Amino acid sequence: GGAIFGAEASGHFYFKDFFGLDSGIFLMMQTLKFMSEKEKTLKELISPFEGRYFHSGEINFETKDKEEKMKLVEETFKHLAISRIDGITVEDKDWWLNVRASNTEPYLRLNIEANNKELLREKVRQLVDLLSE
């Protein structure tokens, strides 16, 4: 696509202005440039965003049948918006999740984000129950 910037929770950062490639050094240079222009510390720049969203971090589930578990997630949340671009992404107004199969290991990888800690805990519990063997 035509995205200007892309990021992964695993620490990969992709930039259109850097040929669409992943570069931690390019990220560092852009961040330092922005901090210099704004004359603020990184802490000052990110403080307006702290506490707005809560993230589970990546939770891994070892499974023998990745496709079966993916279908279970899709069936459970069929009433919500679902995307199948990279695994299954489910979106609701106050939370979203993505579950995808590892290409190299017998794991499903789950990430959840919510607008508050309680909702995040609830969704993590629900998905742990759903995906655990």
Protein backbone atom coordinates (compact mmCIF):
# COMPACT_ATOMS: atom_id res chain seq x y z
CA GLY A 1 0.00 0.00 0.00
CA GLY A 2 0.83 3.63 0.24
CA ALA A 3 1.39 3.79 4.00
CA ILE A 4 3.85 6.42 5.20
CA PHE A 5 4.83 4.41 8.28
CA GLY A 6 4.23 0.93 9.62
CA ALA A 7 5.19 -0.64 12.95
CA GLU A 8 5.05 -4.02 14.60
CA ALA A 9 4.87 -4.78 18.32
CA SER A 10 8.06 -6.82 17.80
CA GLY A 11 10.01 -3.58 17.24
CA HIS A 12 10.11 -3.37 13.45
CA PHE A 13 9.49 0.04 11.89
CA TYR A 14 8.94 0.61 8.18
CA PHE A 15 9.14 3.96 6.39
CA LYS A 16 7.93 5.00 2.95
CA ASP A 17 10.75 7.58 2.89
CA PHE A 18 13.25 4.77 3.49
CA PHE A 19 12.16 2.60 0.55
CA GLY A 20 9.54 0.82 2.70
CA LEU A 21 12.32 -0.86 4.65
CA ASP A 22 12.66 -1.63 8.36
CA SER A 23 15.22 0.60 10.05
CA GLY A 24 15.74 1.26 13.73
CA ILE A 25 18.46 3.78 12.87
CA PHE A 26 16.12 5.74 10.58
CA LEU A 27 13.51 5.73 13.39
CA MET A 28 16.09 7.02 15.87
CA MET A 29 17.16 9.81 13.50
CA GLN A 30 13.56 10.86 12.82
CA THR A 31 12.77 10.82 16.55
CA LEU A 32 15.83 12.92 17.44
CA LYS A 33 14.98 15.38 14.66
CA PHE A 34 11.40 15.70 15.94
CA MET A 35 12.57 16.15 19.55
CA SER A 36 15.00 18.87 18.40
CA GLU A 37 12.32 20.69 16.39
CA LYS A 38 9.84 20.60 19.29
CA GLU A 39 12.52 21.24 21.94
CA LYS A 40 10.97 18.54 24.13
CA THR A 41 12.11 15.30 25.68
CA LEU A 42 10.72 12.01 24.44
CA LYS A 43 8.83 11.65 27.73
CA GLU A 44 7.18 15.05 27.16
CA LEU A 45 6.22 14.10 23.60
CA ILE A 46 4.60 10.77 24.50
CA SER A 47 2.90 11.82 27.76
CA PRO A 48 -0.40 12.83 26.05
CA PHE A 49 -0.74 9.23 24.81
CA GLU A 50 0.05 7.40 28.05
CA GLY A 51 -2.88 5.60 29.61
CA ARG A 52 -5.15 6.03 26.58
CA TYR A 53 -4.81 2.44 25.37
CA PHE A 54 -3.90 -0.80 27.09
CA HIS A 55 -2.11 -3.62 25.27
CA SER A 56 -1.79 -7.30 26.13
CA GLY A 57 1.60 -7.79 24.54
CA GLU A 58 1.97 -10.86 22.34
CA ILE A 59 0.48 -14.00 23.90
CA ASN A 60 1.47 -17.30 22.28
CA PHE A 61 -0.61 -20.48 22.20
CA GLU A 62 0.89 -23.79 21.16
CA THR A 63 -1.67 -25.72 19.15
CA LYS A 64 -1.82 -28.74 16.89
CA ASP A 65 -4.53 -27.30 14.65
CA LYS A 66 -3.96 -23.59 14.03
CA GLU A 67 -6.70 -23.37 11.37
CA GLU A 68 -9.31 -24.90 13.70
CA LYS A 69 -8.53 -22.34 16.43
CA MET A 70 -8.62 -19.48 13.91
CA LYS A 71 -12.07 -20.61 12.75
CA LEU A 72 -13.18 -20.70 16.40
CA VAL A 73 -12.12 -17.06 16.86
CA GLU A 74 -13.88 -16.07 13.65
CA GLU A 75 -17.08 -17.87 14.69
CA THR A 76 -17.01 -16.38 18.20
CA PHE A 77 -16.79 -12.81 16.88
CA LYS A 78 -18.74 -13.15 13.61
CA HIS A 79 -21.07 -10.32 14.71
CA LEU A 80 -18.16 -7.83 14.70
CA ALA A 81 -15.95 -6.32 11.98
CA ILE A 82 -13.42 -8.93 10.87
CA SER A 83 -10.40 -8.54 8.60
CA ARG A 84 -8.33 -11.43 7.25
CA ILE A 85 -5.36 -9.44 5.95
CA ASP A 86 -2.82 -10.81 8.45
CA GLY A 87 -4.47 -13.60 10.39
CA ILE A 88 -7.80 -12.52 11.86
CA THR A 89 -8.36 -9.03 13.20
CA VAL A 90 -11.57 -8.36 15.12
CA GLU A 91 -12.61 -4.78 15.86
CA ASP A 92 -15.18 -3.41 18.27
CA LYS A 93 -15.60 0.20 19.38
CA ASP A 94 -13.56 -0.12 22.61
CA TRP A 95 -11.15 -2.95 21.75
CA TRP A 96 -9.55 -4.96 18.97
CA LEU A 97 -7.60 -8.18 18.66
CA ASN A 98 -5.41 -9.92 16.13
CA VAL A 99 -4.62 -13.61 16.12
CA ARG A 100 -2.32 -15.07 13.51
CA ALA A 101 -0.57 -18.35 12.90
CA SER A 102 3.21 -18.54 13.13
CA ASN A 103 4.77 -19.56 9.84
CA THR A 104 7.64 -21.40 11.51
CA GLU A 105 6.24 -22.79 14.79
CA PRO A 106 3.06 -24.52 16.00
CA TYR A 107 1.84 -21.29 17.63
CA LEU A 108 -0.96 -18.80 17.37
CA ARG A 109 0.08 -15.28 18.29
CA LEU A 110 -2.51 -13.05 19.96
CA ASN A 111 -2.46 -9.29 20.54
CA ILE A 112 -5.31 -7.36 22.15
CA GLU A 113 -5.73 -3.65 22.77
CA ALA A 114 -8.54 -1.98 24.74
CA ASN A 115 -9.53 1.46 25.97
CA ASN A 116 -9.30 0.43 29.64
CA LYS A 117 -7.53 -2.15 31.81
CA GLU A 118 -10.68 -3.95 32.91
CA LEU A 119 -11.88 -4.53 29.35
CA LEU A 120 -8.39 -5.69 28.36
CA ARG A 121 -8.35 -8.23 31.23
CA GLU A 122 -11.82 -9.47 30.24
CA LYS A 123 -10.83 -9.96 26.59
CA VAL A 124 -7.53 -11.64 27.49
CA ARG A 125 -9.40 -14.11 29.75
CA GLN A 126 -11.94 -14.80 27.02
CA LEU A 127 -9.29 -15.47 24.39
CA VAL A 128 -7.08 -17.53 26.70
CA ASP A 129 -10.10 -19.76 27.42
CA LEU A 130 -10.88 -19.95 23.70
CA LEU A 131 -7.36 -20.69 22.44
CA SER A 132 -5.85 -22.83 25.19
CA GLU A 133 -5.65 -26.58 24.59
